[in-house]
Protein backbone atom coordinates (compact mmCIF):
# COMPACT_ATOMS: atom_id res chain seq x y z
CA MET A 1 2.15 -20.24 6.30
CA ARG A 2 3.84 -22.49 8.82
CA ASP A 3 2.06 -23.88 11.89
CA GLY A 4 -0.74 -21.39 11.31
CA THR A 5 1.68 -18.44 11.24
CA LEU A 6 0.60 -15.73 8.86
CA THR A 7 3.54 -14.12 7.10
CA ARG A 8 3.87 -11.39 4.50
CA LYS A 9 5.03 -14.01 2.00
CA SER A 10 2.03 -16.23 2.70
CA LEU A 11 -0.33 -13.33 2.08
CA ARG A 12 0.84 -13.27 -1.52
CA ARG A 13 0.41 -17.01 -1.91
CA LYS A 14 -2.66 -17.95 0.04
CA PRO A 15 -6.09 -16.41 0.56
CA ILE A 16 -6.56 -14.66 3.85
CA ILE A 17 -10.25 -15.47 4.08
CA THR A 18 -11.18 -19.00 3.05
CA ASN A 19 -14.73 -19.14 4.36
CA ALA A 20 -16.27 -16.16 2.59
CA SER A 21 -19.80 -16.72 1.42
CA ILE A 22 -20.16 -17.49 -2.29
CA ASP A 23 -23.32 -15.41 -2.50
CA ALA A 24 -22.07 -12.54 -0.39
CA GLY A 25 -23.54 -10.05 -2.83
CA LEU A 26 -22.36 -6.47 -3.19
CA THR A 27 -19.54 -5.30 -0.97
CA LEU A 28 -19.55 -1.84 0.54
CA VAL A 29 -17.15 -0.73 -2.15
CA ALA A 30 -19.44 -1.97 -4.90
CA ALA A 31 -22.64 -0.76 -3.27
CA LEU A 32 -21.61 2.82 -2.55
CA PRO A 33 -21.12 5.45 -5.24
CA MET A 34 -17.49 5.38 -6.25
CA MET A 35 -15.36 8.43 -6.84
CA LYS A 36 -15.95 9.17 -10.49
CA VAL A 37 -13.00 10.76 -12.22
CA PRO A 38 -13.95 12.70 -15.36
CA PRO A 39 -11.56 12.30 -18.29
CA ARG A 40 -10.47 15.93 -18.13
CA ILE A 41 -6.94 15.15 -19.13
CA ALA A 42 -7.95 14.28 -22.68
CA ARG A 43 -9.80 17.55 -23.00
CA SER A 44 -7.69 20.05 -21.09
CA ALA A 45 -4.21 18.60 -21.47
CA GLY A 46 -4.50 17.01 -24.86
CA ALA A 47 -3.10 20.02 -26.68
CA ALA A 48 -0.20 20.37 -24.30
CA TYR A 49 0.63 16.66 -24.24
CA PRO A 50 -0.17 15.19 -27.64
CA ARG A 51 0.13 11.51 -28.46
CA THR A 52 0.44 10.30 -24.87
CA ALA A 53 -0.64 7.23 -22.98
CA LEU A 54 -1.55 7.70 -19.34
CA MET A 55 -1.28 5.79 -16.07
CA ARG A 56 -3.40 6.81 -13.10
CA ILE A 57 -1.25 7.26 -10.01
CA ALA A 58 -1.44 8.68 -6.49
CA TYR A 59 1.49 10.65 -5.06
CA LEU A 60 1.98 10.93 -1.30
CA ASP A 61 3.90 14.06 -0.33
CA CYS A 62 5.17 13.12 3.14
CA PHE A 63 6.97 16.36 4.03
CA SER A 64 5.30 16.14 7.46
CA GLY A 65 5.38 12.36 7.74
CA ILE A 66 2.34 10.12 7.66
CA SER A 67 -0.06 8.51 10.14
CA GLY A 68 -3.16 6.40 9.68
CA ASP A 69 -5.63 9.21 10.39
CA MET A 70 -3.73 11.66 8.13
CA PHE A 71 -3.93 9.15 5.28
CA LEU A 72 -7.69 8.65 5.81
CA ALA A 73 -8.23 12.42 5.83
CA ALA A 74 -6.16 12.91 2.67
CA LEU A 75 -8.17 10.20 0.89
CA VAL A 76 -11.43 11.91 1.81
CA ASP A 77 -10.09 15.34 0.85
CA ALA A 78 -9.04 13.93 -2.53
CA GLY A 79 -12.56 12.70 -3.25
CA VAL A 80 -13.12 9.32 -1.59
CA PRO A 81 -16.69 9.50 -0.21
CA PHE A 82 -16.76 10.01 3.56
CA GLU A 83 -19.92 7.87 3.57
CA LEU A 84 -17.84 4.94 2.31
CA MET A 85 -15.48 5.37 5.25
CA GLN A 86 -18.35 5.68 7.73
CA GLN A 87 -20.10 2.54 6.54
CA THR A 88 -16.81 0.64 6.49
CA VAL A 89 -16.15 1.60 10.11
CA ALA A 90 -19.68 0.65 11.16
CA SER A 91 -19.29 -2.75 9.48
CA LEU A 92 -16.21 -3.55 11.59
CA ASP A 93 -18.36 -3.60 14.73
CA VAL A 94 -15.53 -2.45 17.04
CA GLY A 95 -17.51 0.36 18.66
CA ALA A 96 -15.91 3.12 16.61
CA THR A 97 -17.25 6.05 14.60
CA LEU A 98 -15.67 8.74 12.44
CA GLU A 99 -15.86 12.49 12.80
CA ILE A 100 -14.85 14.88 10.02
CA SER A 101 -13.91 18.55 10.33
CA ARG A 102 -12.13 21.31 8.46
CA VAL A 103 -8.98 22.71 10.07
CA THR A 104 -6.05 24.92 9.14
CA ARG A 105 -2.46 23.88 9.54
CA ASN A 106 0.01 26.75 9.09
CA GLY A 107 -2.23 28.43 6.53
CA ILE A 108 -3.25 25.27 4.63
CA SER A 109 -6.91 24.24 4.81
CA ALA A 110 -7.14 20.48 5.35
CA THR A 111 -9.56 17.72 6.24
CA LYS A 112 -9.28 16.23 9.73
CA VAL A 113 -10.69 12.77 10.37
CA ASP A 114 -10.95 11.60 13.97
CA VAL A 115 -11.71 8.09 15.14
CA LEU A 116 -14.00 8.06 18.17
CA VAL A 117 -14.31 5.02 20.43
CA ASP A 118 -16.80 5.35 23.26
CA GLY A 119 -17.00 9.04 22.40
CA GLN A 120 -13.28 9.63 22.91
CA LYS A 121 -10.98 10.95 20.18
CA ASP A 122 -7.66 9.37 19.37
CA LEU A 123 -4.58 11.25 20.59
CA PRO A 124 -0.97 11.31 19.39
CA ARG A 125 0.55 8.45 21.29
CA GLU A 126 2.94 10.48 23.45
CA GLU A 127 -0.06 12.58 24.58
CA PHE A 128 -2.09 9.43 25.18
CA TRP A 129 0.61 7.79 27.30
CA ALA A 130 1.18 11.01 29.24
CA GLU A 131 -2.56 11.30 29.93
CA THR A 132 -3.14 7.63 30.73
CA HIS A 133 0.06 6.77 32.60
CA GLY A 134 1.35 10.11 33.76
CA GLN A 135 4.98 11.20 33.64
CA SER A 136 6.15 9.44 36.80
CA GLY A 137 9.47 7.66 36.89
CA GLU A 138 8.12 4.28 35.91
CA THR A 139 10.47 1.66 34.59
CA ALA A 140 9.72 0.18 31.20
CA GLY A 141 8.44 -2.97 32.89
CA GLN A 142 6.20 -1.07 35.31
CA HIS A 143 4.95 1.04 32.42
CA HIS A 144 4.17 -2.11 30.43
CA GLU A 145 2.23 -3.64 33.34
CA HIS A 146 0.35 -0.38 33.86
CA HIS A 147 -0.54 -0.48 30.20
CA HIS A 148 -2.27 -3.83 30.58
CA ASP A 149 -4.10 -2.71 33.72
CA ALA A 150 -5.39 0.54 32.20
CA LYS A 151 -9.13 0.80 31.65
CA SER A 152 -8.77 2.95 28.56
CA ARG A 153 -10.09 1.79 25.21
CA HIS A 154 -6.57 2.26 23.80
CA SER A 155 -5.06 -0.20 26.23
CA TYR A 156 -6.82 -3.16 24.70
CA GLY A 157 -4.44 -5.14 22.51
CA ARG A 158 -5.02 -7.97 20.10
CA HIS A 159 -2.99 -10.66 18.39
CA LEU A 160 -2.69 -10.86 14.63
CA ARG A 161 -5.03 -13.82 14.30
CA GLU A 162 -7.80 -11.93 16.11
CA ILE A 163 -7.33 -8.85 13.94
CA VAL A 164 -7.41 -10.91 10.73
CA LYS A 165 -10.68 -12.47 11.90
CA ILE A 166 -12.23 -9.01 12.39
CA ILE A 167 -11.13 -7.93 8.92
CA GLY A 168 -12.35 -11.15 7.36
CA ALA A 169 -15.84 -10.64 8.74
CA ALA A 170 -16.18 -7.16 7.26
CA PRO A 171 -18.32 -6.75 4.09
CA ILE A 172 -15.50 -5.23 2.05
CA SER A 173 -13.86 -6.48 -1.12
CA ASP A 174 -11.36 -9.35 -1.06
CA ARG A 175 -8.72 -6.96 -2.35
CA ALA A 176 -9.29 -4.54 0.54
CA LYS A 177 -9.19 -7.42 3.03
CA HIS A 178 -5.90 -8.58 1.58
CA THR A 179 -4.41 -5.08 1.75
CA ALA A 180 -5.54 -4.51 5.35
CA CYS A 181 -4.18 -7.87 6.49
CA ALA A 182 -0.92 -7.23 4.66
CA ILE A 183 -0.51 -3.92 6.53
CA PHE A 184 -1.12 -5.58 9.90
CA THR A 185 1.21 -8.44 8.98
CA ALA A 186 3.96 -5.96 8.08
CA LEU A 187 3.45 -4.34 11.50
CA GLY A 188 3.53 -7.72 13.22
CA GLU A 189 6.70 -8.83 11.48
CA ALA A 190 8.43 -5.55 12.37
CA GLU A 191 7.45 -5.89 16.05
CA ALA A 192 8.51 -9.54 16.02
CA ARG A 193 11.98 -8.69 14.70
CA VAL A 194 12.46 -5.83 17.16
CA HIS A 195 11.41 -7.91 20.18
CA ASN A 196 12.78 -11.25 18.93
CA VAL A 197 9.48 -13.15 19.17
CA ASP A 198 7.28 -15.05 16.76
CA VAL A 199 4.83 -12.88 14.83
CA GLU A 200 1.85 -14.74 16.32
CA ALA A 201 3.16 -13.97 19.80
CA VAL A 202 3.17 -10.23 19.14
CA HIS A 203 0.57 -8.47 21.28
CA PHE A 204 -0.41 -5.35 19.37
CA HIS A 205 -0.75 -2.41 21.73
CA GLU A 206 -1.56 0.89 20.03
CA VAL A 207 -2.03 -0.80 16.65
CA GLY A 208 -4.37 -3.45 18.06
CA ALA A 209 -6.82 -0.92 19.44
CA ALA A 210 -10.06 -0.13 17.65
CA ASP A 211 -8.82 3.20 16.28
CA ALA A 212 -5.83 1.59 14.56
CA ILE A 213 -8.03 -1.15 13.04
CA VAL A 214 -10.26 1.61 11.69
CA ASP A 215 -7.26 3.49 10.27
CA ILE A 216 -5.86 0.44 8.48
CA VAL A 217 -9.10 -0.98 7.10
CA GLY A 218 -10.15 2.52 6.05
CA ALA A 219 -6.80 2.94 4.30
CA ALA A 220 -7.33 -0.31 2.39
CA VAL A 221 -10.88 0.52 1.33
CA GLY A 222 -10.10 4.17 0.54
CA SER A 223 -6.99 3.41 -1.52
CA GLU A 224 -9.00 0.91 -3.56
CA ALA A 225 -11.70 3.54 -4.11
CA LEU A 226 -9.11 5.89 -5.65
CA GLN A 227 -8.85 3.44 -8.55
CA VAL A 228 -5.19 4.19 -9.16
CA GLN A 229 -2.68 1.84 -10.70
CA ARG A 230 0.25 2.87 -8.55
CA PHE A 231 1.18 4.73 -5.36
CA VAL A 232 4.38 6.80 -5.35
CA ALA A 233 5.73 8.72 -2.35
CA SER A 234 8.28 11.37 -1.52
CA PRO A 235 11.06 10.65 0.99
CA LEU A 236 9.48 10.56 4.47
CA ASN A 237 10.14 13.20 7.12
CA VAL A 238 10.26 11.03 10.25
CA GLY A 239 10.72 13.86 12.78
CA GLY A 240 13.01 13.33 15.76
CA GLY A 241 13.39 13.35 19.50
CA GLU A 242 11.71 10.73 21.70
CA VAL A 243 8.25 9.23 22.04
CA ARG A 244 6.57 7.43 24.94
CA CYS A 245 4.80 4.22 23.93
CA ALA A 246 3.73 0.87 25.40
CA HIS A 247 7.33 -0.22 25.99
CA GLY A 248 8.52 3.05 27.53
CA VAL A 249 10.48 5.94 26.05
CA MET A 250 11.79 5.25 22.55
CA PRO A 251 13.86 7.26 20.06
CA VAL A 252 12.13 8.66 16.96
CA PRO A 253 11.60 6.91 14.67
CA ALA A 254 10.53 4.13 17.03
CA PRO A 255 12.29 0.76 16.46
CA ALA A 256 9.31 -0.93 14.80
CA THR A 257 8.73 2.13 12.61
CA LEU A 258 12.37 2.16 11.49
CA GLU A 259 12.17 -1.57 10.77
CA LEU A 260 9.22 -0.92 8.46
CA LEU A 261 11.11 1.91 6.75
CA LYS A 262 14.12 -0.20 5.74
CA GLY A 263 15.01 0.55 2.13
CA ILE A 264 12.71 3.61 2.07
CA PRO A 265 14.26 7.11 1.81
CA VAL A 266 13.78 9.06 5.06
CA TYR A 267 15.13 12.19 6.70
CA SER A 268 14.71 14.22 9.90
CA GLY A 269 13.60 17.85 9.63
CA GLU A 270 13.25 20.69 12.09
CA VAL A 271 10.18 19.29 13.89
CA GLN A 272 11.45 17.05 16.68
CA LYS A 273 8.30 15.02 17.20
CA GLU A 274 7.18 11.63 15.92
CA LEU A 275 5.88 12.38 12.40
CA VAL A 276 5.76 8.84 11.00
CA THR A 277 3.77 6.43 13.15
CA PRO A 278 4.06 2.63 12.90
CA THR A 279 0.66 2.53 11.19
CA GLY A 280 1.71 5.18 8.69
CA ALA A 281 4.98 3.36 7.98
CA ALA A 282 3.15 0.07 7.39
CA ILE A 283 0.69 1.74 5.00
CA VAL A 284 3.62 3.09 2.98
CA ARG A 285 5.43 -0.26 3.11
CA VAL A 286 2.45 -2.11 1.58
CA LEU A 287 0.88 0.45 -0.77
CA VAL A 288 3.80 2.44 -2.19
CA THR A 289 5.89 0.94 -4.99
CA GLY A 290 8.24 3.84 -5.76
CA PHE A 291 9.83 6.87 -4.09
CA SER A 292 10.76 10.09 -5.86
CA SER A 293 10.09 13.80 -6.07
CA LEU A 294 6.78 14.78 -7.65
CA PRO A 295 6.62 12.83 -10.93
CA ALA A 296 5.52 14.31 -14.25
CA MET A 297 1.76 14.09 -13.95
CA ALA A 298 -1.44 15.97 -14.69
CA ALA A 299 -3.11 16.44 -11.30
CA GLU A 300 -6.87 15.89 -11.06
CA GLN A 301 -7.43 15.89 -7.30
CA VAL A 302 -5.30 17.21 -4.45
CA GLY A 303 -6.15 16.22 -0.90
CA TYR A 304 -4.72 17.49 2.39
CA GLY A 305 -5.04 15.31 5.48
CA ALA A 306 -4.36 17.09 8.77
CA GLY A 307 -2.38 15.69 11.66
CA SER A 308 -3.59 16.16 15.24
CA ARG A 309 -0.89 18.67 16.19
CA ASP A 310 -0.41 22.19 14.83
CA PHE A 311 3.26 23.17 14.65
CA ALA A 312 4.39 26.79 14.39
CA GLY A 313 5.92 27.45 11.00
CA HIS A 314 5.27 23.94 9.70
CA ALA A 315 2.13 22.64 7.98
CA ASN A 316 1.37 19.31 9.63
CA VAL A 317 -0.49 17.79 6.69
CA LEU A 318 -0.14 14.87 4.31
CA ARG A 319 -0.65 15.89 0.69
CA LEU A 320 -2.16 13.39 -1.73
CA VAL A 321 -2.04 14.19 -5.45
CA VAL A 322 -4.14 12.01 -7.76
CA GLY A 323 -3.81 12.20 -11.51
CA GLU A 324 -2.28 10.68 -14.58
CA THR A 325 1.31 10.47 -15.66
CA VAL A 326 2.26 12.36 -18.78
CA GLU A 327 5.18 11.27 -20.91
CA THR A 328 5.71 13.20 -24.11
CA ARG A 329 7.53 11.86 -27.12
CA ASP A 330 8.06 13.30 -30.56
CA ALA A 331 5.77 11.57 -33.03
CA SER A 332 8.75 10.44 -35.12
CA ALA A 333 10.08 8.48 -32.14
CA ARG A 334 6.92 6.39 -31.89
CA THR A 335 5.83 3.38 -33.83
CA PRO A 336 2.36 4.18 -35.20
CA GLY A 337 -0.42 2.60 -33.20
CA THR A 338 1.75 1.09 -30.48
CA GLY A 339 0.84 3.47 -27.65
CA MET A 340 3.39 5.16 -25.40
CA GLU A 341 7.16 4.96 -25.62
CA GLU A 342 8.75 4.93 -22.17
CA GLU A 343 12.14 4.41 -20.62
CA VAL A 344 12.73 1.26 -18.59
CA THR A 345 15.78 0.24 -16.56
CA VAL A 346 17.14 -3.27 -17.19
CA LEU A 347 19.18 -5.00 -14.46
CA GLU A 348 20.93 -8.26 -15.35
CA ALA A 349 23.19 -10.74 -13.58
CA ASN A 350 24.60 -14.18 -14.44
CA LEU A 351 24.18 -16.86 -11.77
CA ASP A 352 25.86 -20.28 -11.88
CA ASP A 353 26.08 -21.29 -8.23
CA LEU A 354 22.69 -20.40 -6.74
CA SER A 355 19.93 -22.76 -5.63
CA PRO A 356 16.70 -22.58 -7.67
CA GLN A 357 14.86 -22.17 -4.36
CA VAL A 358 16.84 -19.00 -3.61
CA ILE A 359 16.24 -17.71 -7.14
CA GLY A 360 12.49 -18.22 -6.64
CA TYR A 361 12.53 -16.34 -3.35
CA MET A 362 14.62 -13.55 -4.85
CA THR A 363 12.18 -13.21 -7.75
CA GLU A 364 9.23 -12.89 -5.36
CA ARG A 365 11.01 -10.26 -3.31
CA LEU A 366 11.98 -8.22 -6.38
CA MET A 367 8.37 -8.21 -7.58
CA ALA A 368 7.08 -7.29 -4.13
CA GLU A 369 9.48 -4.33 -3.99
CA GLY A 370 8.31 -2.77 -7.25
CA ALA A 371 9.94 -4.58 -10.20
CA ARG A 372 7.78 -4.43 -13.31
CA ASP A 373 8.94 -7.88 -14.40
CA VAL A 374 11.53 -10.47 -13.39
CA PHE A 375 12.51 -13.49 -15.49
CA THR A 376 15.33 -16.00 -15.81
CA THR A 377 16.88 -17.47 -18.94
CA PRO A 378 18.96 -20.70 -19.03
CA VAL A 379 22.53 -19.92 -20.19
CA GLN A 380 25.79 -21.80 -20.50
CA MET A 381 28.51 -20.21 -18.43
CA LYS A 382 32.27 -20.42 -18.73
CA LYS A 383 33.82 -23.87 -18.30
CA GLY A 384 30.59 -25.35 -19.68
CA ARG A 385 28.58 -24.88 -16.49
CA PRO A 386 24.82 -24.35 -16.78
CA GLY A 387 23.54 -21.16 -15.21
CA SER A 388 20.74 -18.61 -15.19
CA LEU A 389 20.54 -15.06 -16.49
CA VAL A 390 18.23 -13.07 -14.23
CA THR A 391 16.68 -9.97 -15.81
CA VAL A 392 14.78 -7.28 -13.91
CA LEU A 393 12.71 -4.55 -15.56
CA CYS A 394 11.98 -1.55 -13.38
CA ALA A 395 11.47 2.20 -13.20
CA ARG A 396 14.57 4.33 -12.76
CA ALA A 397 13.35 5.39 -9.29
CA ASP A 398 13.44 1.73 -8.14
CA GLU A 399 16.79 0.90 -9.75
CA GLU A 400 19.06 1.27 -6.71
CA LYS A 401 16.69 -0.54 -4.34
CA LEU A 402 16.30 -3.54 -6.66
CA ARG A 403 20.02 -3.70 -7.43
CA ASP A 404 20.68 -3.89 -3.68
CA ILE A 405 18.24 -6.82 -3.46
CA LEU A 406 20.08 -8.65 -6.27
CA PHE A 407 23.36 -8.26 -4.39
CA ALA A 408 21.82 -9.26 -1.05
CA GLU A 409 19.80 -12.27 -2.22
CA SER A 410 22.02 -13.74 -4.96
CA SER A 411 25.65 -14.79 -5.29
CA THR A 412 26.47 -12.34 -8.07
CA LEU A 413 29.44 -9.99 -7.81
CA GLY A 414 28.19 -7.62 -10.48
CA VAL A 415 24.91 -6.32 -11.89
CA ARG A 416 24.72 -4.86 -15.38
CA THR A 417 22.49 -1.79 -15.74
CA ARG A 418 21.17 -0.23 -18.91
CA ARG A 419 18.24 1.89 -19.96
CA GLU A 420 16.07 0.99 -22.90
CA SER A 421 12.91 2.32 -24.49
CA ARG A 422 9.82 0.23 -24.89
CA HIS A 423 6.38 0.79 -26.39
CA VAL A 424 3.43 -0.03 -24.18
CA LEU A 425 -0.28 0.05 -24.71
CA ALA A 426 -2.38 2.43 -22.67
CA ARG A 427 -3.75 0.38 -19.78
CA ARG A 428 -6.62 0.64 -17.35
CA HIS A 429 -8.63 -1.63 -15.06
CA GLU A 430 -12.31 -2.35 -14.73
CA MET A 431 -13.87 -4.43 -11.98
CA VAL A 432 -16.33 -7.28 -12.45
CA THR A 433 -18.11 -9.11 -9.66
CA THR A 434 -18.10 -12.89 -10.08
CA PRO A 435 -20.16 -15.25 -7.88
CA TRP A 436 -17.02 -15.70 -5.78
CA GLY A 437 -15.67 -12.17 -5.53
CA ASP A 438 -14.32 -9.13 -7.37
CA VAL A 439 -11.84 -9.52 -10.24
CA ARG A 440 -9.97 -6.75 -12.00
CA ILE A 441 -9.88 -6.84 -15.79
CA LYS A 442 -6.71 -5.37 -17.31
CA ILE A 443 -7.51 -3.61 -20.60
CA GLY A 444 -4.97 -2.53 -23.20
CA SER A 445 -5.81 -0.05 -25.93
CA THR A 446 -4.13 1.72 -28.81
CA GLY A 447 -5.34 4.73 -30.72
CA GLY A 448 -8.32 4.90 -28.36
CA ALA A 449 -9.51 1.43 -29.38
CA GLU A 450 -9.44 -1.54 -27.03
CA SER A 451 -7.07 -4.20 -28.29
CA GLN A 452 -7.01 -6.77 -25.50
CA ALA A 453 -8.51 -7.60 -22.13
CA ALA A 454 -7.58 -10.21 -19.55
CA PRO A 455 -8.51 -10.94 -15.92
CA GLU A 456 -5.80 -10.27 -13.36
CA TYR A 457 -4.17 -13.57 -12.45
CA GLU A 458 -3.61 -12.79 -8.77
CA ASP A 459 -7.29 -11.93 -8.24
CA CYS A 460 -8.38 -15.13 -9.94
CA ARG A 461 -5.85 -17.26 -8.10
CA ARG A 462 -6.95 -15.90 -4.72
CA ILE A 463 -10.60 -16.59 -5.49
CA ALA A 464 -9.91 -20.06 -6.91
CA ALA A 465 -7.95 -21.08 -3.81
CA GLY A 466 -10.40 -19.52 -1.38
CA HIS A 467 -13.52 -21.10 -2.89
CA HIS A 468 -12.03 -24.33 -4.23
CA VAL A 469 -13.02 -23.46 -7.78
CA PRO A 470 -10.80 -24.32 -10.79
CA LEU A 471 -8.65 -21.36 -11.77
CA LYS A 472 -9.68 -21.56 -15.42
CA THR A 473 -13.34 -21.43 -14.39
CA VAL A 474 -12.80 -18.19 -12.48
CA MET A 475 -10.84 -16.64 -15.35
CA GLN A 476 -13.41 -17.66 -17.96
CA GLU A 477 -16.31 -16.33 -15.85
CA ALA A 478 -14.56 -13.00 -15.18
CA LEU A 479 -13.84 -12.48 -18.88
CA ARG A 480 -17.39 -13.47 -19.83
CA LEU A 481 -18.84 -10.93 -17.39
CA TYR A 482 -16.62 -8.21 -18.77
CA LEU A 483 -17.50 -8.97 -22.40
CA ASP A 484 -21.22 -9.08 -21.54
CA LYS A 485 -20.91 -5.70 -19.83
CA LYS A 486 -18.98 -4.29 -22.77
CA ASN A 487 -21.52 -5.51 -25.33
CA GLU A 488 -24.60 -4.26 -23.47
């Protein structure tokens, strides 16, 4: 954070909300009934997939793109309580409500969630701009001025600092606040790069309106309610053609959307309309850590979130599959009692002419883009020069993306790649509520028996910094609460 500027990097290092009440009590997420997921996999799939360890994931099938309202609808259709979304929206105090309905898109029954502000439903933005500004031959500048003079609820824009303040005042978990602010920050940084301005100078148009705030905060709260360990997505169908927005007519994907989609696999299908909105792109940018076809998984819930438009011959829905990964291994290939054997990709490079500051930045970026672990080892290079061996552990799906980051951010001319097997304990998370906020407890088990438990460092660090409490105090209290709960 520099001169009060909120950046994506600062979100990982500093708390977003530093004045939260110590005795805030239950958040909406804690107070409302959570989506309970019965352990059906152990019963129904145990015979088919013996001796497995499972990870709970959510898969976004973006064959018709993604928007904020489609994501909300898919979350609800997959089991997130609509009441949780309603109470979250009411708590934002931006004059918005939610309406839910059942629709059909090219033969697929789906949930439709509409955001209403002053009784008006949100529209696809090209329809909104056509309705609000007409299709006259305005220049981009005239169109922009007309935008600011419009009396519509959608025409009200906000700056990032104002939006963060709204999110910070909402009675949602610290984790959901962090996710929502990260999504808006990603949007702001994309707009800033496209228009060559500082992120704090960006005046959010469509994404600063009440409906977009609802979409993004609802996405943060709903994704937390899924209680998954990882989001994976298919390549994104971005659509095509042109779209009218606050700055005039733009190609699809719009410049800010394409900026957000850098490094993410995309394609353009037959539908020549905007299928990925800036809000949808930012949600994917922040939440999703890997991109692939449907992974090997045992599906528990499948949700379909409907888009506003109904295309002939094309189901305009976002499909969300929630379940647990299944990796089978022959019993002879496993070490007894160690859990699951999995494949991991190892990327390595030797560095002898790179600043430690750059190595630190590169490490942060690799972790943010989906690396499972990144570490450096001091080595002695040729000619007796000291250097560093950087090692990245990742999933095969993330291999190419992370290798590109190593080439872009370091001075190496070559990256070694190999695949190894590793044994990992089955892992899950449970949440405890400390006097200062929610902390996830990471639990490892083998043979069905818990073998270790530890509070998540990032949760504890955020709370310690935000409430000026020693880190070790937060960690000790979180672990104590978990052990007390376990021993009840």
